[in-house]
């Protein structure tokens, strides 16, 4: 985990003499990724508004961010929506939709072209490759909660996307001397941001299939809105990878969300708490205008 100190920032004159709250710690994602960029931009803006020191933490993603929200390490985080819904997080949160994220089903020649086929009993020998701690782990678990047909689907966790992509390309992996057939890998992320470990190193061995299980769209997010929505993978979204269909493949999308723990301003007096909460809301919403899809 990398910690980036944005700095102790001067108090904003437009808000008057706010008592600077404790440092605002924002949990994001991997170094150089979309979560880091968004979290840093929002955190920096809020820090200027309220006169607080801001720390940007690089993390393993949504699962670690949920843990750090719960233990008080961070007061704000960028997380995918199904992690906000399914992971243990503080109760008094403000959750705001950011950009859209797609669920990518990527497989080799011996895998399954449609993710929905993994729920068929005849394909029970197959496992799904995911990266430990990634959003794909959360999504696989949540799929099993939404539709019982996916409850017993096996996953194999890898340390990085190179390992997951290699297993999908080969169609199998070895664990404890056991050969496990791999149906494909699941990746959750912003369009056009699929890791190079997948798109460059295995671009000729992997193709993008479809995720068209209609039952997933019955789920709701923490705000009571649809958690997953039907969407398309557009040309150019998958880098060097090819797709299985002549038209844009079907998949499922959800929102990345900015999650703010209201406990951050709870210790201030009534006026200061109101001003800080207003500044946080403005900082989030003004920066999200440019990234929402």
Protein backbone atom coordinates (compact mmCIF):
# COMPACT_ATOMS: atom_id res chain seq x y z
CA UNK A 1 0.00 0.00 0.00
CA UNK A 2 1.38 3.40 -0.94
CA UNK A 3 0.48 6.58 0.95
CA UNK A 4 0.55 9.89 -0.91
CA UNK A 5 0.41 13.05 1.20
CA UNK A 6 -1.47 15.72 -0.72
CA UNK A 7 -0.55 18.26 1.93
CA UNK A 8 -1.78 20.56 4.63
CA UNK A 9 -3.83 23.03 2.65
CA UNK A 10 -4.74 26.61 3.44
CA UNK A 11 -8.20 27.20 4.82
CA UNK A 12 -10.68 28.35 2.22
CA UNK A 13 -11.78 31.94 2.67
CA UNK A 14 -15.11 31.26 1.00
CA UNK A 15 -16.18 29.06 3.92
CA UNK A 16 -15.03 31.46 6.60
CA UNK A 17 -13.06 30.43 9.67
CA UNK A 18 -13.71 26.71 9.75
CA UNK A 19 -11.94 24.76 12.44
CA UNK A 20 -9.82 22.41 10.36
CA UNK A 21 -10.98 18.83 10.90
CA UNK A 22 -8.58 15.93 11.35
CA UNK A 23 -6.75 14.75 8.21
CA UNK A 24 -9.03 13.43 5.48
CA UNK A 25 -7.74 10.02 4.39
CA UNK A 26 -9.00 8.80 1.01
CA UNK A 27 -8.60 5.11 0.09
CA UNK A 28 -8.33 4.56 -3.67
CA UNK A 29 -6.83 1.68 -5.67
CA UNK A 30 -3.65 0.70 -7.46
CA UNK A 31 -0.96 3.23 -8.27
CA UNK A 32 -1.72 4.99 -11.56
CA UNK A 33 -5.26 3.62 -11.76
CA UNK A 34 -8.63 5.30 -12.22
CA UNK A 35 -9.52 5.06 -8.51
CA UNK A 36 -6.30 6.82 -7.48
CA UNK A 37 -6.85 9.63 -9.98
CA UNK A 38 -10.47 10.19 -8.96
CA UNK A 39 -9.84 9.94 -5.22
CA UNK A 40 -6.88 12.30 -5.40
CA UNK A 41 -8.78 14.88 -7.40
CA UNK A 42 -11.78 14.87 -5.05
CA UNK A 43 -9.68 14.75 -1.89
CA UNK A 44 -7.47 17.64 -2.98
CA UNK A 45 -10.52 19.79 -3.78
CA UNK A 46 -12.20 19.04 -0.44
CA UNK A 47 -8.95 19.71 1.43
CA UNK A 48 -8.76 23.20 -0.07
CA UNK A 49 -12.36 23.89 0.87
CA UNK A 50 -12.13 22.84 4.52
CA UNK A 51 -8.48 23.56 5.30
CA UNK A 52 -7.59 19.98 6.14
CA UNK A 53 -4.56 17.83 5.48
CA UNK A 54 -5.36 15.13 2.92
CA UNK A 55 -3.77 11.71 2.55
CA UNK A 56 -4.36 9.53 -0.51
CA UNK A 57 -3.84 5.81 0.16
CA UNK A 58 -3.13 3.35 -2.64
CA UNK A 59 -4.81 0.04 -1.83
CA UNK A 60 -5.69 -3.29 -3.38
CA UNK A 61 -9.14 -1.97 -4.28
CA UNK A 62 -12.70 -2.27 -3.07
CA UNK A 63 -12.27 -5.09 -0.52
CA UNK A 64 -9.38 -3.39 1.26
CA UNK A 65 -11.17 -0.05 1.07
CA UNK A 66 -14.20 -1.52 2.85
CA UNK A 67 -11.93 -2.85 5.59
CA UNK A 68 -10.22 0.50 6.03
CA UNK A 69 -13.52 2.37 6.15
CA UNK A 70 -14.67 0.01 8.87
CA UNK A 71 -11.56 0.27 11.03
CA UNK A 72 -11.40 4.06 10.68
CA UNK A 73 -8.19 4.19 8.63
CA UNK A 74 -9.93 6.17 5.89
CA UNK A 75 -12.94 8.47 5.88
CA UNK A 76 -13.55 8.38 2.13
CA UNK A 77 -13.05 5.68 -0.47
CA UNK A 78 -13.66 4.85 -4.12
CA UNK A 79 -15.41 1.48 -4.41
CA UNK A 80 -17.43 -0.50 -6.89
CA UNK A 81 -21.12 -0.53 -6.05
CA UNK A 82 -21.49 -4.23 -5.26
CA UNK A 83 -18.67 -3.97 -2.72
CA UNK A 84 -20.47 -1.10 -0.96
CA UNK A 85 -23.57 -3.30 -0.87
CA UNK A 86 -22.00 -6.58 0.21
CA UNK A 87 -18.93 -5.74 2.30
CA UNK A 88 -18.89 -4.71 5.96
CA UNK A 89 -18.84 -0.89 6.01
CA UNK A 90 -19.91 1.82 8.52
CA UNK A 91 -23.65 2.45 8.69
CA UNK A 92 -23.69 6.25 8.32
CA UNK A 93 -22.33 6.76 4.81
CA UNK A 94 -23.00 9.13 1.95
CA UNK A 95 -22.70 7.18 -1.32
CA UNK A 96 -22.46 8.95 -4.69
CA UNK A 97 -22.29 7.31 -8.12
CA UNK A 98 -19.16 8.09 -10.13
CA UNK A 99 -18.22 6.54 -13.49
CA UNK A 100 -19.61 3.36 -15.00
CA UNK A 101 -17.67 0.09 -14.75
CA UNK A 102 -18.12 -2.94 -16.97
CA UNK A 103 -17.83 -6.62 -16.06
CA UNK A 104 -15.55 -8.26 -18.62
CA UNK A 105 -15.65 -11.99 -19.30
CA UNK A 106 -12.36 -12.92 -20.98
CA UNK A 107 -11.55 -16.49 -22.06
CA UNK A 108 -9.18 -18.65 -24.06
CA UNK A 109 -9.99 -21.06 -26.87
CA UNK A 110 -10.81 -23.88 -24.42
CA UNK A 111 -12.96 -21.72 -22.16
CA UNK A 112 -16.62 -20.68 -22.22
CA UNK A 113 -17.76 -17.90 -24.54
CA UNK A 114 -20.71 -16.91 -22.37
CA UNK A 115 -20.25 -16.40 -18.64
CA UNK A 116 -23.82 -17.62 -18.03
CA UNK A 117 -22.73 -21.12 -19.09
CA UNK A 118 -20.60 -21.43 -15.95
CA UNK A 119 -23.82 -21.98 -13.95
CA UNK A 120 -24.75 -25.08 -15.97
CA UNK A 121 -24.05 -28.31 -14.07
CA UNK A 122 -22.35 -29.82 -17.11
CA UNK A 123 -19.66 -27.12 -16.74
CA UNK A 124 -19.06 -27.69 -13.02
CA UNK A 125 -15.49 -28.84 -13.75
CA UNK A 126 -14.58 -25.26 -14.70
CA UNK A 127 -13.39 -22.51 -12.38
CA UNK A 128 -13.23 -18.74 -12.88
CA UNK A 129 -9.87 -16.97 -12.60
CA UNK A 130 -9.85 -13.83 -10.44
CA UNK A 131 -7.20 -11.74 -8.71
CA UNK A 132 -7.12 -11.92 -4.92
CA UNK A 133 -8.64 -8.80 -3.35
CA UNK A 134 -9.94 -7.47 -6.66
CA UNK A 135 -13.44 -6.28 -7.47
CA UNK A 136 -13.99 -9.50 -9.42
CA UNK A 137 -13.90 -11.46 -6.14
CA UNK A 138 -16.69 -9.29 -4.74
CA UNK A 139 -18.71 -9.60 -7.93
CA UNK A 140 -18.42 -13.39 -8.07
CA UNK A 141 -19.57 -13.66 -4.45
CA UNK A 142 -22.44 -11.27 -5.08
CA UNK A 143 -23.57 -13.15 -8.19
CA UNK A 144 -24.01 -16.20 -5.97
CA UNK A 145 -26.20 -14.18 -3.60
CA UNK A 146 -28.32 -12.76 -6.42
CA UNK A 147 -28.81 -16.07 -8.25
CA UNK A 148 -28.37 -19.41 -6.44
CA UNK A 149 -27.30 -21.07 -9.71
CA UNK A 150 -23.97 -19.23 -9.31
CA UNK A 151 -23.53 -19.96 -5.61
CA UNK A 152 -21.30 -22.98 -6.10
CA UNK A 153 -19.22 -21.68 -9.02
CA UNK A 154 -15.57 -22.19 -8.17
CA UNK A 155 -12.99 -19.44 -8.34
CA UNK A 156 -9.22 -19.62 -8.37
CA UNK A 157 -7.41 -16.59 -7.00
CA UNK A 158 -4.15 -15.33 -8.49
CA UNK A 159 -1.72 -12.72 -7.21
CA UNK A 160 -1.92 -10.58 -10.34
CA UNK A 161 -3.66 -10.23 -13.70
CA UNK A 162 -0.75 -11.82 -15.55
CA UNK A 163 -1.28 -15.08 -13.68
CA UNK A 164 -5.05 -14.97 -14.18
CA UNK A 165 -4.68 -14.20 -17.90
CA UNK A 166 -2.11 -16.95 -18.38
CA UNK A 167 -4.46 -19.51 -16.80
CA UNK A 168 -7.37 -18.35 -18.97
CA UNK A 169 -5.20 -18.49 -22.09
CA UNK A 170 -3.96 -22.00 -21.26
CA UNK A 171 -7.42 -23.18 -20.25
CA UNK A 172 -6.19 -24.63 -16.95
CA UNK A 173 -4.03 -24.04 -13.90
CA UNK A 174 -2.27 -26.33 -11.41
CA UNK A 175 -3.06 -25.96 -7.71
CA UNK A 176 -1.64 -28.42 -5.17
CA UNK A 177 -0.76 -30.75 -8.08
CA UNK A 178 -4.39 -30.72 -9.26
CA UNK A 179 -5.28 -29.68 -12.82
CA UNK A 180 -8.18 -27.21 -12.71
CA UNK A 181 -9.89 -26.27 -16.02
CA UNK A 182 -10.35 -22.51 -16.30
CA UNK A 183 -13.45 -21.19 -18.08
CA UNK A 184 -12.09 -17.66 -18.27
CA UNK A 185 -11.26 -14.68 -16.10
CA UNK A 186 -13.56 -12.02 -14.69
CA UNK A 187 -12.38 -8.42 -14.62
CA UNK A 188 -14.33 -5.40 -13.36
CA UNK A 189 -13.16 -1.99 -14.45
CA UNK A 190 -13.64 1.18 -16.38
CA UNK A 191 -13.90 0.81 -20.17
CA UNK A 192 -10.51 1.13 -21.92
CA UNK A 193 -8.64 0.48 -18.65
CA UNK A 194 -8.14 -3.29 -18.89
CA UNK A 195 -4.64 -4.07 -17.51
CA UNK A 196 -1.83 -4.44 -20.02
CA UNK A 197 -0.95 -7.80 -18.45
CA UNK A 198 -4.14 -9.04 -20.13
CA UNK A 199 -4.38 -7.01 -23.33
CA UNK A 200 -0.73 -6.98 -24.42
CA UNK A 201 0.83 -10.20 -23.20
CA UNK A 202 -2.13 -12.42 -24.10
CA UNK A 203 -3.90 -10.34 -26.73
CA UNK A 204 -3.73 -13.11 -29.37
CA UNK A 205 -4.85 -15.90 -27.04
CA UNK A 206 -7.80 -14.32 -25.26
CA UNK A 207 -11.14 -13.02 -26.50
CA UNK A 208 -14.00 -11.14 -24.85
CA UNK A 209 -17.25 -13.02 -24.42
CA UNK A 210 -20.59 -12.01 -22.99
CA UNK A 211 -22.29 -11.72 -19.59
CA UNK A 212 -26.02 -11.85 -20.27
CA UNK A 213 -27.58 -13.35 -17.14
CA UNK A 214 -30.81 -11.39 -16.69
CA UNK A 215 -31.26 -12.33 -13.02
CA UNK A 216 -28.34 -10.10 -12.00
CA UNK A 217 -30.30 -6.96 -12.84
CA UNK A 218 -32.75 -7.69 -10.00
CA UNK A 219 -30.17 -6.63 -7.40
CA UNK A 220 -30.26 -3.19 -5.74
CA UNK A 221 -27.42 -0.96 -4.57
CA UNK A 222 -27.09 0.78 -1.20
CA UNK A 223 -29.32 3.62 -2.44
CA UNK A 224 -32.08 1.23 -3.56
CA UNK A 225 -31.34 1.67 -7.26
CA UNK A 226 -30.47 -1.12 -9.71
CA UNK A 227 -27.04 -2.45 -8.81
CA UNK A 228 -26.29 -4.09 -12.17
CA UNK A 229 -27.62 -2.88 -15.52
CA UNK A 230 -27.46 -4.37 -19.00
CA UNK A 231 -24.90 -2.66 -21.21
CA UNK A 232 -22.65 -3.17 -24.24
CA UNK A 233 -18.91 -3.45 -24.65
CA UNK A 234 -18.07 -0.86 -27.28
CA UNK A 235 -15.38 -1.01 -29.92
CA UNK A 236 -12.12 0.21 -28.46
CA UNK A 237 -13.03 -0.69 -24.86
CA UNK A 238 -10.90 -3.84 -24.82
CA UNK A 239 -7.58 -2.75 -26.30
CA UNK A 240 -5.96 -5.43 -28.47
CA UNK A 241 -8.47 -8.13 -27.54
CA UNK A 242 -10.99 -9.42 -30.05
CA UNK A 243 -14.65 -10.15 -29.26
CA UNK A 244 -16.72 -13.26 -29.92
CA UNK A 245 -19.58 -11.41 -31.58
CA UNK A 246 -19.83 -9.29 -34.72
CA UNK A 247 -21.86 -6.73 -32.80
CA UNK A 248 -20.96 -5.17 -29.46
CA UNK A 249 -21.01 -7.94 -26.82
CA UNK A 250 -23.60 -7.83 -24.06
CA UNK A 251 -22.42 -7.48 -20.49
CA UNK A 252 -23.38 -6.06 -17.10
CA UNK A 253 -22.30 -2.64 -15.84
CA UNK A 254 -22.41 -0.95 -12.45
CA UNK A 255 -21.21 2.28 -10.91
CA UNK A 256 -17.99 3.05 -9.14
CA UNK A 257 -19.02 5.02 -6.06
CA UNK A 258 -17.51 7.67 -3.84
CA UNK A 259 -18.16 6.64 -0.25
CA UNK A 260 -17.90 9.21 2.56
CA UNK A 261 -18.09 8.27 6.24
CA UNK A 262 -20.15 10.92 8.01
CA UNK A 263 -18.27 10.15 11.22
CA UNK A 264 -15.52 12.40 9.81
CA UNK A 265 -17.44 15.57 10.71
CA UNK A 266 -19.44 14.15 13.64
CA UNK A 267 -17.19 15.64 16.32
CA UNK A 268 -17.57 19.25 15.14
CA UNK A 269 -20.13 21.70 16.44
CA UNK A 270 -23.40 22.03 14.51
CA UNK A 271 -22.38 24.88 12.18
CA UNK A 272 -18.90 23.53 11.47
CA UNK A 273 -20.26 20.05 10.81
CA UNK A 274 -22.82 21.46 8.39
CA UNK A 275 -20.18 23.50 6.55
CA UNK A 276 -17.79 20.58 6.28
CA UNK A 277 -20.53 18.25 5.04
CA UNK A 278 -21.57 20.85 2.45
CA UNK A 279 -17.97 21.28 1.31
CA UNK A 280 -17.53 17.52 0.98
CA UNK A 281 -20.71 17.21 -1.10
CA UNK A 282 -19.64 20.05 -3.38
CA UNK A 283 -16.15 18.63 -3.76
CA UNK A 284 -17.52 15.24 -4.76
CA UNK A 285 -20.22 16.39 -7.14
CA UNK A 286 -18.22 19.09 -8.91
CA UNK A 287 -15.43 16.62 -9.70
CA UNK A 288 -17.76 13.86 -10.82
CA UNK A 289 -19.34 15.88 -13.61
CA UNK A 290 -16.38 15.21 -15.87
CA UNK A 291 -16.06 11.48 -15.20
CA UNK A 292 -19.66 10.20 -15.19
CA UNK A 293 -20.59 8.09 -18.22
